Amino acid sequence: ESEQELAASAGTPTLILSTPQEKPLYSNGELASIFAAQGVPFDGVHFRDQAHGFMTRAAGFLGKSWTESGGMADGAAAVGQQRAIQLALGWYAKHLYD
């Protein structure tokens, strides 16, 4: 299944936190339109200054480590992680019991 097919079949609120390594459909509104057409709550936040795996700091992208994928072990990474954690917690608080 493609990302578009998965989005069209989703029946639960969805939060996507994308990075530059993801396909443009994650940040250009394409998926948001699909979720909206299904009446499914969706929010997508694009982290331009982070690299895929920034939430775990151990995950990389396509066999590369997090730092090999462009991740930086610096203050910006820590801020990005905290921001993403807070967004996820708020999303769960809003939608978990819907």
N, C-alpha and C. Protein backbone atom coordinates (compact mmCIF):
# COMPACT_ATOMS: atom_id res chain seq x y z
N GLU A 1 0.83 -1.19 0.00
CA GLU A 1 0.00 0.00 0.00
C GLU A 1 0.88 1.25 0.00
N SER A 2 0.41 2.25 -0.69
CA SER A 2 1.13 3.53 -0.71
C SER A 2 0.75 4.36 0.50
N GLU A 3 1.50 5.41 0.75
CA GLU A 3 1.16 6.32 1.84
C GLU A 3 -0.23 6.92 1.64
N GLN A 4 -0.56 7.23 0.39
CA GLN A 4 -1.88 7.81 0.10
C GLN A 4 -2.99 6.81 0.42
N GLU A 5 -2.80 5.55 0.06
CA GLU A 5 -3.80 4.52 0.35
C GLU A 5 -3.95 4.31 1.85
N LEU A 6 -2.84 4.31 2.56
CA LEU A 6 -2.90 4.16 4.01
C LEU A 6 -3.63 5.33 4.65
N ALA A 7 -3.35 6.54 4.19
CA ALA A 7 -4.03 7.71 4.73
C ALA A 7 -5.53 7.65 4.46
N ALA A 8 -5.90 7.20 3.27
CA ALA A 8 -7.31 7.12 2.91
C ALA A 8 -8.05 6.08 3.73
N SER A 9 -7.33 5.09 4.24
CA SER A 9 -7.99 4.04 5.02
C SER A 9 -7.88 4.27 6.53
N ALA A 10 -7.16 5.28 6.94
CA ALA A 10 -7.00 5.55 8.37
C ALA A 10 -8.33 6.00 8.96
N GLY A 11 -8.63 5.51 10.13
CA GLY A 11 -9.87 5.89 10.77
C GLY A 11 -9.66 6.56 12.11
N THR A 12 -8.41 6.84 12.44
CA THR A 12 -8.12 7.45 13.73
C THR A 12 -7.31 8.74 13.53
N PRO A 13 -7.42 9.65 14.48
CA PRO A 13 -6.64 10.88 14.40
C PRO A 13 -5.15 10.56 14.21
N THR A 14 -4.49 11.34 13.37
CA THR A 14 -3.11 11.05 13.01
C THR A 14 -2.25 12.30 13.10
N LEU A 15 -1.09 12.14 13.73
CA LEU A 15 -0.09 13.20 13.82
C LEU A 15 1.17 12.69 13.13
N ILE A 16 1.69 13.48 12.19
CA ILE A 16 2.93 13.13 11.50
C ILE A 16 3.94 14.24 11.73
N LEU A 17 5.11 13.85 12.24
CA LEU A 17 6.21 14.78 12.48
C LEU A 17 7.30 14.43 11.47
N SER A 18 7.36 15.19 10.39
CA SER A 18 8.27 14.85 9.29
C SER A 18 9.57 15.64 9.34
N THR A 19 10.55 15.13 8.61
CA THR A 19 11.86 15.77 8.46
C THR A 19 12.17 15.88 6.96
N PRO A 20 13.22 16.57 6.60
CA PRO A 20 13.55 16.72 5.18
C PRO A 20 13.79 15.40 4.44
N GLN A 21 14.09 14.32 5.16
CA GLN A 21 14.33 13.05 4.48
C GLN A 21 13.04 12.37 4.02
N GLU A 22 11.88 12.80 4.53
CA GLU A 22 10.62 12.21 4.11
C GLU A 22 10.19 12.76 2.76
N LYS A 23 9.34 12.01 2.08
CA LYS A 23 8.79 12.45 0.80
C LYS A 23 8.01 13.75 1.00
N PRO A 24 7.96 14.61 -0.01
CA PRO A 24 7.23 15.88 0.11
C PRO A 24 5.77 15.73 0.53
N LEU A 25 5.12 14.62 0.19
CA LEU A 25 3.70 14.47 0.54
C LEU A 25 3.45 14.56 2.03
N TYR A 26 4.49 14.36 2.84
CA TYR A 26 4.33 14.46 4.29
C TYR A 26 4.25 15.91 4.77
N SER A 27 4.72 16.84 3.97
CA SER A 27 4.73 18.24 4.42
C SER A 27 4.09 19.21 3.44
N ASN A 28 3.66 18.75 2.26
CA ASN A 28 3.11 19.68 1.27
C ASN A 28 1.59 19.77 1.26
N GLY A 29 0.94 19.10 2.20
CA GLY A 29 -0.52 19.17 2.28
C GLY A 29 -1.25 18.03 1.60
N GLU A 30 -0.52 17.20 0.85
CA GLU A 30 -1.18 16.09 0.15
C GLU A 30 -1.85 15.12 1.12
N LEU A 31 -1.12 14.68 2.13
CA LEU A 31 -1.73 13.77 3.10
C LEU A 31 -2.82 14.46 3.90
N ALA A 32 -2.60 15.71 4.25
CA ALA A 32 -3.62 16.45 5.01
C ALA A 32 -4.94 16.48 4.24
N SER A 33 -4.88 16.66 2.94
CA SER A 33 -6.09 16.68 2.11
C SER A 33 -6.79 15.33 2.12
N ILE A 34 -6.02 14.26 2.09
CA ILE A 34 -6.61 12.92 2.10
C ILE A 34 -7.31 12.66 3.42
N PHE A 35 -6.65 13.00 4.53
CA PHE A 35 -7.27 12.82 5.85
C PHE A 35 -8.53 13.68 5.96
N ALA A 36 -8.46 14.92 5.49
CA ALA A 36 -9.62 15.82 5.56
C ALA A 36 -10.79 15.25 4.79
N ALA A 37 -10.54 14.68 3.62
CA ALA A 37 -11.61 14.11 2.80
C ALA A 37 -12.28 12.93 3.51
N GLN A 38 -11.55 12.27 4.40
CA GLN A 38 -12.09 11.15 5.16
C GLN A 38 -12.72 11.60 6.48
N GLY A 39 -12.57 12.89 6.80
CA GLY A 39 -13.09 13.40 8.07
C GLY A 39 -12.29 12.95 9.28
N VAL A 40 -11.01 12.64 9.04
CA VAL A 40 -10.13 12.17 10.11
C VAL A 40 -9.24 13.32 10.57
N PRO A 41 -9.24 13.62 11.88
CA PRO A 41 -8.35 14.68 12.37
C PRO A 41 -6.89 14.36 12.04
N PHE A 42 -6.20 15.37 11.54
CA PHE A 42 -4.80 15.20 11.12
C PHE A 42 -4.04 16.47 11.43
N ASP A 43 -2.82 16.30 11.84
CA ASP A 43 -1.91 17.43 11.95
C ASP A 43 -0.54 16.95 11.52
N GLY A 44 0.15 17.77 10.79
CA GLY A 44 1.50 17.46 10.36
C GLY A 44 2.40 18.64 10.66
N VAL A 45 3.51 18.35 11.29
CA VAL A 45 4.49 19.39 11.61
C VAL A 45 5.81 18.97 10.97
N HIS A 46 6.35 19.86 10.15
CA HIS A 46 7.60 19.57 9.44
C HIS A 46 8.77 20.18 10.21
N PHE A 47 9.71 19.36 10.59
CA PHE A 47 10.90 19.79 11.31
C PHE A 47 12.04 19.98 10.32
N ARG A 48 12.14 21.18 9.76
CA ARG A 48 13.15 21.47 8.73
C ARG A 48 14.59 21.32 9.22
N ASP A 49 14.79 21.54 10.52
CA ASP A 49 16.15 21.52 11.04
C ASP A 49 16.53 20.20 11.73
N GLN A 50 15.74 19.17 11.50
CA GLN A 50 16.03 17.87 12.11
C GLN A 50 16.26 16.83 11.01
N ALA A 51 16.78 15.68 11.41
CA ALA A 51 17.00 14.58 10.48
C ALA A 51 16.17 13.39 10.92
N HIS A 52 15.81 12.55 9.96
CA HIS A 52 15.04 11.36 10.25
C HIS A 52 15.67 10.62 11.42
N GLY A 53 14.87 10.24 12.41
CA GLY A 53 15.37 9.55 13.59
C GLY A 53 15.68 10.48 14.74
N PHE A 54 15.39 11.77 14.60
CA PHE A 54 15.77 12.71 15.66
C PHE A 54 15.07 12.43 16.98
N MET A 55 13.92 11.77 16.95
CA MET A 55 13.21 11.48 18.19
C MET A 55 13.90 10.39 19.01
N THR A 56 14.51 9.45 18.36
CA THR A 56 15.16 8.37 19.10
C THR A 56 16.66 8.55 19.22
N ARG A 57 17.23 9.36 18.37
CA ARG A 57 18.68 9.61 18.31
C ARG A 57 19.46 8.34 18.02
N ALA A 58 18.80 7.21 17.87
CA ALA A 58 19.49 5.97 17.53
C ALA A 58 19.07 5.51 16.15
N ALA A 59 17.89 5.93 15.73
CA ALA A 59 17.41 5.51 14.42
C ALA A 59 18.08 6.36 13.35
N GLY A 60 18.30 5.77 12.25
CA GLY A 60 18.88 6.49 11.12
C GLY A 60 17.93 6.44 9.95
N PHE A 61 18.47 6.42 8.76
CA PHE A 61 17.66 6.42 7.56
C PHE A 61 18.36 5.57 6.51
N LEU A 62 17.69 4.55 6.04
CA LEU A 62 18.20 3.68 4.98
C LEU A 62 19.60 3.14 5.28
N GLY A 63 19.75 2.58 6.47
CA GLY A 63 21.00 1.94 6.83
C GLY A 63 22.09 2.86 7.32
N LYS A 64 21.81 4.16 7.41
CA LYS A 64 22.79 5.11 7.90
C LYS A 64 22.44 5.48 9.34
N SER A 65 23.46 5.80 10.11
CA SER A 65 23.21 6.22 11.49
C SER A 65 22.52 7.58 11.50
N TRP A 66 22.07 7.98 12.67
CA TRP A 66 21.38 9.26 12.81
C TRP A 66 22.27 10.42 12.38
N THR A 67 23.52 10.44 12.81
CA THR A 67 24.41 11.54 12.42
C THR A 67 24.81 11.44 10.95
N GLU A 68 24.95 10.22 10.41
CA GLU A 68 25.24 10.06 8.98
C GLU A 68 24.08 10.53 8.12
N SER A 69 22.87 10.56 8.70
CA SER A 69 21.68 11.01 7.98
C SER A 69 21.48 12.51 8.09
N GLY A 70 22.39 13.19 8.74
CA GLY A 70 22.29 14.64 8.86
C GLY A 70 21.95 15.12 10.25
N GLY A 71 21.73 14.20 11.19
CA GLY A 71 21.41 14.58 12.56
C GLY A 71 22.61 15.19 13.27
N MET A 72 22.34 16.11 14.13
CA MET A 72 23.41 16.77 14.88
C MET A 72 23.15 16.61 16.37
N ALA A 73 24.19 16.28 17.10
CA ALA A 73 24.08 16.17 18.55
C ALA A 73 24.37 17.55 19.13
N ASP A 74 23.38 18.44 19.05
CA ASP A 74 23.57 19.81 19.51
C ASP A 74 22.30 20.34 20.16
N GLY A 75 22.29 21.61 20.50
CA GLY A 75 21.14 22.23 21.13
C GLY A 75 19.90 22.22 20.27
N ALA A 76 20.06 22.40 18.96
CA ALA A 76 18.91 22.39 18.07
C ALA A 76 18.23 21.03 18.08
N ALA A 77 19.01 19.97 18.17
CA ALA A 77 18.43 18.62 18.23
C ALA A 77 17.63 18.44 19.50
N ALA A 78 18.17 18.92 20.62
CA ALA A 78 17.46 18.80 21.89
C ALA A 78 16.16 19.60 21.87
N VAL A 79 16.19 20.79 21.31
CA VAL A 79 14.97 21.61 21.20
C VAL A 79 13.96 20.92 20.30
N GLY A 80 14.42 20.37 19.17
CA GLY A 80 13.52 19.66 18.27
C GLY A 80 12.87 18.47 18.94
N GLN A 81 13.66 17.72 19.69
CA GLN A 81 13.10 16.57 20.40
C GLN A 81 12.04 17.00 21.41
N GLN A 82 12.35 18.00 22.20
CA GLN A 82 11.39 18.46 23.20
C GLN A 82 10.12 19.01 22.57
N ARG A 83 10.28 19.72 21.48
CA ARG A 83 9.11 20.26 20.78
C ARG A 83 8.23 19.12 20.25
N ALA A 84 8.86 18.11 19.66
CA ALA A 84 8.11 16.98 19.12
C ALA A 84 7.42 16.18 20.23
N ILE A 85 8.10 16.00 21.34
CA ILE A 85 7.50 15.30 22.48
C ILE A 85 6.27 16.06 22.98
N GLN A 86 6.40 17.37 23.11
CA GLN A 86 5.27 18.18 23.58
C GLN A 86 4.10 18.15 22.59
N LEU A 87 4.40 18.19 21.29
CA LEU A 87 3.34 18.09 20.28
C LEU A 87 2.63 16.74 20.39
N ALA A 88 3.40 15.67 20.54
CA ALA A 88 2.81 14.34 20.65
C ALA A 88 1.96 14.21 21.91
N LEU A 89 2.45 14.71 23.03
CA LEU A 89 1.67 14.64 24.27
C LEU A 89 0.37 15.42 24.15
N GLY A 90 0.43 16.60 23.55
CA GLY A 90 -0.78 17.38 23.34
C GLY A 90 -1.76 16.68 22.41
N TRP A 91 -1.24 16.04 21.37
CA TRP A 91 -2.08 15.31 20.42
C TRP A 91 -2.80 14.15 21.13
N TYR A 92 -2.04 13.40 21.93
CA TYR A 92 -2.66 12.29 22.66
C TYR A 92 -3.69 12.81 23.66
N ALA A 93 -3.37 13.88 24.36
CA ALA A 93 -4.32 14.42 25.32
C ALA A 93 -5.63 14.87 24.64
N LYS A 94 -5.50 15.37 23.43
CA LYS A 94 -6.67 15.85 22.71
C LYS A 94 -7.49 14.71 22.10
N HIS A 95 -6.83 13.66 21.62
CA HIS A 95 -7.52 12.65 20.81
C HIS A 95 -7.60 11.26 21.41
N LEU A 96 -6.90 10.98 22.48
CA LEU A 96 -6.81 9.61 22.98
C LEU A 96 -8.17 9.02 23.34
N TYR A 97 -9.02 9.82 23.92
CA TYR A 97 -10.30 9.29 24.39
C TYR A 97 -11.48 9.70 23.51
N ASP A 98 -11.21 10.16 22.29
CA ASP A 98 -12.29 10.50 21.36
C ASP A 98 -13.03 9.25 20.92
